[in-house]
């Protein structure tokens, strides 16, 4: 990285050692962990019923899955590294990256504050979410009666 915030990348689609220069946002140059490239935040419908929350319990029971609510709504957080993330946190397909990557705005991102810290609710385990559900629903255990 130089003072102009540019970096040399190999063009992975061309034969030989052709390289190109890209400009990287100053904030991104400070992020050594490529935070935005190691998870997927999938919007979900706001859970309201016991059945909705029971479904979320099933989801957070899986490895690398969390659920959170922030000012933008409810999300399923899937902790998974992008397969195109190269050494040093550089995107190996930068010129061909998907639109969602191109459109990503980092005005306020995980570099500024973690998702967990910025969330109104954050559940990374069955036990955390179940504790919340017991407080939210007086008859939480009766949810099983719906399936009988």
C-alpha atoms as a PDB file:
ATOM      1  CA  UNK A   1       0.000   0.000   0.000  1.00  0.00           C
ATOM      2  CA  UNK A   2       1.357   3.418  -0.832  1.00  0.00           C
ATOM      3  CA  UNK A   3       0.447   6.954   0.191  1.00  0.00           C
ATOM      4  CA  UNK A   4      -2.121   7.182  -2.617  1.00  0.00           C
ATOM      5  CA  UNK A   5      -4.046   4.195  -1.230  1.00  0.00           C
ATOM      6  CA  UNK A   6      -3.430   2.046  -4.274  1.00  0.00           C
ATOM      7  CA  UNK A   7      -2.433  -1.556  -4.407  1.00  0.00           C
ATOM      8  CA  UNK A   8      -1.152  -3.801  -7.203  1.00  0.00           C
ATOM      9  CA  UNK A   9      -3.300  -6.850  -7.880  1.00  0.00           C
ATOM     10  CA  UNK A  10      -2.743  -9.693 -10.305  1.00  0.00           C
ATOM     11  CA  UNK A  11      -5.477  -9.990 -12.893  1.00  0.00           C
ATOM     12  CA  UNK A  12      -6.601 -13.528 -12.051  1.00  0.00           C
ATOM     13  CA  UNK A  13      -8.579 -13.848 -15.278  1.00  0.00           C
ATOM     14  CA  UNK A  14      -5.652 -13.177 -17.619  1.00  0.00           C
ATOM     15  CA  UNK A  15      -2.743 -15.429 -18.448  1.00  0.00           C
ATOM     16  CA  UNK A  16       0.672 -14.277 -17.365  1.00  0.00           C
ATOM     17  CA  UNK A  17       1.534 -11.683 -14.778  1.00  0.00           C
ATOM     18  CA  UNK A  18      -0.652  -8.792 -15.902  1.00  0.00           C
ATOM     19  CA  UNK A  19      -1.381  -6.456 -13.024  1.00  0.00           C
ATOM     20  CA  UNK A  20      -3.745  -3.576 -12.466  1.00  0.00           C
ATOM     21  CA  UNK A  21      -3.906  -0.743  -9.963  1.00  0.00           C
ATOM     22  CA  UNK A  22      -7.055  -0.074  -7.950  1.00  0.00           C
ATOM     23  CA  UNK A  23      -7.933   2.620  -5.461  1.00  0.00           C
ATOM     24  CA  UNK A  24      -9.019   1.471  -2.032  1.00  0.00           C
ATOM     25  CA  UNK A  25     -11.011   3.621   0.366  1.00  0.00           C
ATOM     26  CA  UNK A  26      -8.892   5.021   3.230  1.00  0.00           C
ATOM     27  CA  UNK A  27     -11.065   3.368   5.874  1.00  0.00           C
ATOM     28  CA  UNK A  28     -10.688  -0.003   4.171  1.00  0.00           C
ATOM     29  CA  UNK A  29      -6.896   0.344   4.148  1.00  0.00           C
ATOM     30  CA  UNK A  30      -7.000   0.520   7.957  1.00  0.00           C
ATOM     31  CA  UNK A  31      -9.113  -2.635   8.284  1.00  0.00           C
ATOM     32  CA  UNK A  32      -6.646  -5.504   8.479  1.00  0.00           C
ATOM     33  CA  UNK A  33      -9.277  -8.191   9.100  1.00  0.00           C
ATOM     34  CA  UNK A  34     -11.549  -7.574   6.059  1.00  0.00           C
ATOM     35  CA  UNK A  35     -14.474  -7.614   8.473  1.00  0.00           C
ATOM     36  CA  UNK A  36     -17.143  -7.070   5.822  1.00  0.00           C
ATOM     37  CA  UNK A  37     -15.874 -10.077   3.847  1.00  0.00           C
ATOM     38  CA  UNK A  38     -16.109 -12.696   6.597  1.00  0.00           C
ATOM     39  CA  UNK A  39     -19.852 -12.791   7.147  1.00  0.00           C
ATOM     40  CA  UNK A  40     -23.207 -12.549   5.424  1.00  0.00           C
ATOM     41  CA  UNK A  41     -25.932 -10.436   7.013  1.00  0.00           C
ATOM     42  CA  UNK A  42     -29.215 -11.679   5.580  1.00  0.00           C
ATOM     43  CA  UNK A  43     -32.320  -9.589   6.349  1.00  0.00           C
ATOM     44  CA  UNK A  44     -35.159 -11.631   7.833  1.00  0.00           C
ATOM     45  CA  UNK A  45     -38.786 -10.904   8.636  1.00  0.00           C
ATOM     46  CA  UNK A  46     -39.168  -9.477  12.136  1.00  0.00           C
ATOM     47  CA  UNK A  47     -40.052 -12.358  14.473  1.00  0.00           C
ATOM     48  CA  UNK A  48     -43.255 -11.758  16.418  1.00  0.00           C
ATOM     49  CA  UNK A  49     -44.813 -15.026  17.477  1.00  0.00           C
ATOM     50  CA  UNK A  50     -43.553 -17.888  19.601  1.00  0.00           C
ATOM     51  CA  UNK A  51     -43.375 -19.921  16.406  1.00  0.00           C
ATOM     52  CA  UNK A  52     -41.146 -17.306  14.769  1.00  0.00           C
ATOM     53  CA  UNK A  53     -38.761 -17.331  17.705  1.00  0.00           C
ATOM     54  CA  UNK A  54     -38.805 -21.113  17.898  1.00  0.00           C
ATOM     55  CA  UNK A  55     -37.622 -21.129  14.283  1.00  0.00           C
ATOM     56  CA  UNK A  56     -34.814 -18.726  15.191  1.00  0.00           C
ATOM     57  CA  UNK A  57     -33.802 -21.112  17.977  1.00  0.00           C
ATOM     58  CA  UNK A  58     -33.315 -23.783  15.337  1.00  0.00           C
ATOM     59  CA  UNK A  59     -31.201 -21.423  13.232  1.00  0.00           C
ATOM     60  CA  UNK A  60     -28.864 -20.275  16.033  1.00  0.00           C
ATOM     61  CA  UNK A  61     -28.374 -23.926  16.969  1.00  0.00           C
ATOM     62  CA  UNK A  62     -26.164 -24.230  13.895  1.00  0.00           C
ATOM     63  CA  UNK A  63     -22.471 -23.365  13.892  1.00  0.00           C
ATOM     64  CA  UNK A  64     -21.491 -19.849  12.825  1.00  0.00           C
ATOM     65  CA  UNK A  65     -25.091 -18.571  12.850  1.00  0.00           C
ATOM     66  CA  UNK A  66     -26.295 -15.638  14.946  1.00  0.00           C
ATOM     67  CA  UNK A  67     -29.395 -13.466  14.888  1.00  0.00           C
ATOM     68  CA  UNK A  68     -29.472  -9.764  15.585  1.00  0.00           C
ATOM     69  CA  UNK A  69     -31.706  -6.727  15.505  1.00  0.00           C
ATOM     70  CA  UNK A  70     -30.367  -3.270  14.845  1.00  0.00           C
ATOM     71  CA  UNK A  71     -31.809   0.012  13.604  1.00  0.00           C
ATOM     72  CA  UNK A  72     -32.260  -1.530  10.127  1.00  0.00           C
ATOM     73  CA  UNK A  73     -34.279  -4.550  11.313  1.00  0.00           C
ATOM     74  CA  UNK A  74     -33.640  -8.232  11.990  1.00  0.00           C
ATOM     75  CA  UNK A  75     -30.805 -10.204  10.398  1.00  0.00           C
ATOM     76  CA  UNK A  76     -29.380 -13.668  10.218  1.00  0.00           C
ATOM     77  CA  UNK A  77     -25.593 -13.400  10.593  1.00  0.00           C
ATOM     78  CA  UNK A  78     -23.665 -16.175   8.884  1.00  0.00           C
ATOM     79  CA  UNK A  79     -20.002 -16.118   9.860  1.00  0.00           C
ATOM     80  CA  UNK A  80     -18.231 -17.355   6.751  1.00  0.00           C
ATOM     81  CA  UNK A  81     -15.190 -16.100   4.880  1.00  0.00           C
ATOM     82  CA  UNK A  82     -15.558 -15.097   1.233  1.00  0.00           C
ATOM     83  CA  UNK A  83     -13.732 -17.597  -0.964  1.00  0.00           C
ATOM     84  CA  UNK A  84     -12.276 -14.720  -3.021  1.00  0.00           C
ATOM     85  CA  UNK A  85     -10.604 -13.030  -0.060  1.00  0.00           C
ATOM     86  CA  UNK A  86      -6.899 -13.282  -0.658  1.00  0.00           C
ATOM     87  CA  UNK A  87      -3.757 -12.796   1.345  1.00  0.00           C
ATOM     88  CA  UNK A  88      -3.716  -9.555   3.292  1.00  0.00           C
ATOM     89  CA  UNK A  89      -7.481  -9.150   2.961  1.00  0.00           C
ATOM     90  CA  UNK A  90      -7.383  -8.255  -0.729  1.00  0.00           C
ATOM     91  CA  UNK A  91     -10.253  -9.253  -3.019  1.00  0.00           C
ATOM     92  CA  UNK A  92      -8.915 -11.595  -5.692  1.00  0.00           C
ATOM     93  CA  UNK A  93     -11.783 -10.778  -8.076  1.00  0.00           C
ATOM     94  CA  UNK A  94     -12.047  -7.057  -7.386  1.00  0.00           C
ATOM     95  CA  UNK A  95     -12.751  -6.066 -10.998  1.00  0.00           C
ATOM     96  CA  UNK A  96     -15.388  -8.837 -11.306  1.00  0.00           C
ATOM     97  CA  UNK A  97     -16.811  -8.670  -7.766  1.00  0.00           C
ATOM     98  CA  UNK A  98     -20.613  -8.990  -7.383  1.00  0.00           C
ATOM     99  CA  UNK A  99     -22.837  -5.946  -7.269  1.00  0.00           C
ATOM    100  CA  UNK A 100     -23.535  -6.318  -3.539  1.00  0.00           C
ATOM    101  CA  UNK A 101     -19.796  -5.844  -2.924  1.00  0.00           C
ATOM    102  CA  UNK A 102     -19.595  -2.842  -5.246  1.00  0.00           C
ATOM    103  CA  UNK A 103     -22.622  -1.218  -3.626  1.00  0.00           C
ATOM    104  CA  UNK A 104     -21.423  -1.738  -0.038  1.00  0.00           C
ATOM    105  CA  UNK A 105     -21.173   1.539   1.860  1.00  0.00           C
ATOM    106  CA  UNK A 106     -18.742   1.729   4.740  1.00  0.00           C
ATOM    107  CA  UNK A 107     -19.857   5.065   6.206  1.00  0.00           C
ATOM    108  CA  UNK A 108     -20.598   3.126   9.384  1.00  0.00           C
ATOM    109  CA  UNK A 109     -19.380  -0.455   9.310  1.00  0.00           C
ATOM    110  CA  UNK A 110     -18.024  -3.204  11.534  1.00  0.00           C
ATOM    111  CA  UNK A 111     -14.666  -1.388  11.605  1.00  0.00           C
ATOM    112  CA  UNK A 112     -16.358   1.448  13.547  1.00  0.00           C
ATOM    113  CA  UNK A 113     -18.342  -0.810  15.877  1.00  0.00           C
ATOM    114  CA  UNK A 114     -18.947  -4.550  15.930  1.00  0.00           C
ATOM    115  CA  UNK A 115     -22.350  -5.868  14.939  1.00  0.00           C
ATOM    116  CA  UNK A 116     -22.836  -7.233  18.435  1.00  0.00           C
ATOM    117  CA  UNK A 117     -22.094  -3.875  20.066  1.00  0.00           C
ATOM    118  CA  UNK A 118     -24.271  -1.937  17.615  1.00  0.00           C
ATOM    119  CA  UNK A 119     -27.255  -4.274  17.945  1.00  0.00           C
ATOM    120  CA  UNK A 120     -30.332  -3.836  20.077  1.00  0.00           C
ATOM    121  CA  UNK A 121     -30.436  -7.641  20.375  1.00  0.00           C
ATOM    122  CA  UNK A 122     -27.725 -10.143  19.490  1.00  0.00           C
ATOM    123  CA  UNK A 123     -28.082 -13.904  19.946  1.00  0.00           C
ATOM    124  CA  UNK A 124     -25.258 -16.253  19.076  1.00  0.00           C
ATOM    125  CA  UNK A 125     -26.514 -19.316  20.912  1.00  0.00           C
ATOM    126  CA  UNK A 126     -29.645 -21.275  21.673  1.00  0.00           C
ATOM    127  CA  UNK A 127     -29.341 -20.485  25.387  1.00  0.00           C
ATOM    128  CA  UNK A 128     -29.120 -16.704  24.831  1.00  0.00           C
ATOM    129  CA  UNK A 129     -32.161 -16.636  22.585  1.00  0.00           C
ATOM    130  CA  UNK A 130     -34.158 -19.014  24.772  1.00  0.00           C
ATOM    131  CA  UNK A 131     -33.548 -16.797  27.818  1.00  0.00           C
ATOM    132  CA  UNK A 132     -34.866 -13.807  25.855  1.00  0.00           C
ATOM    133  CA  UNK A 133     -37.909 -15.810  24.722  1.00  0.00           C
ATOM    134  CA  UNK A 134     -38.770 -16.864  28.269  1.00  0.00           C
ATOM    135  CA  UNK A 135     -38.836 -13.188  29.273  1.00  0.00           C
ATOM    136  CA  UNK A 136     -40.746 -12.047  26.203  1.00  0.00           C
ATOM    137  CA  UNK A 137     -43.449 -14.747  26.264  1.00  0.00           C
ATOM    138  CA  UNK A 138     -45.108 -15.620  29.571  1.00  0.00           C
ATOM    139  CA  UNK A 139     -46.214 -18.993  28.242  1.00  0.00           C
ATOM    140  CA  UNK A 140     -43.063 -19.789  26.287  1.00  0.00           C
ATOM    141  CA  UNK A 141     -43.234 -23.532  27.021  1.00  0.00           C
ATOM    142  CA  UNK A 142     -46.746 -23.703  25.566  1.00  0.00           C
ATOM    143  CA  UNK A 143     -45.340 -23.174  22.074  1.00  0.00           C
ATOM    144  CA  UNK A 144     -45.036 -26.953  21.792  1.00  0.00           C
ATOM    145  CA  UNK A 145     -48.808 -27.317  22.138  1.00  0.00           C
ATOM    146  CA  UNK A 146     -49.132 -25.804  18.679  1.00  0.00           C
ATOM    147  CA  UNK A 147     -47.428 -28.838  17.185  1.00  0.00           C
ATOM    148  CA  UNK A 148     -49.439 -31.469  19.085  1.00  0.00           C
END
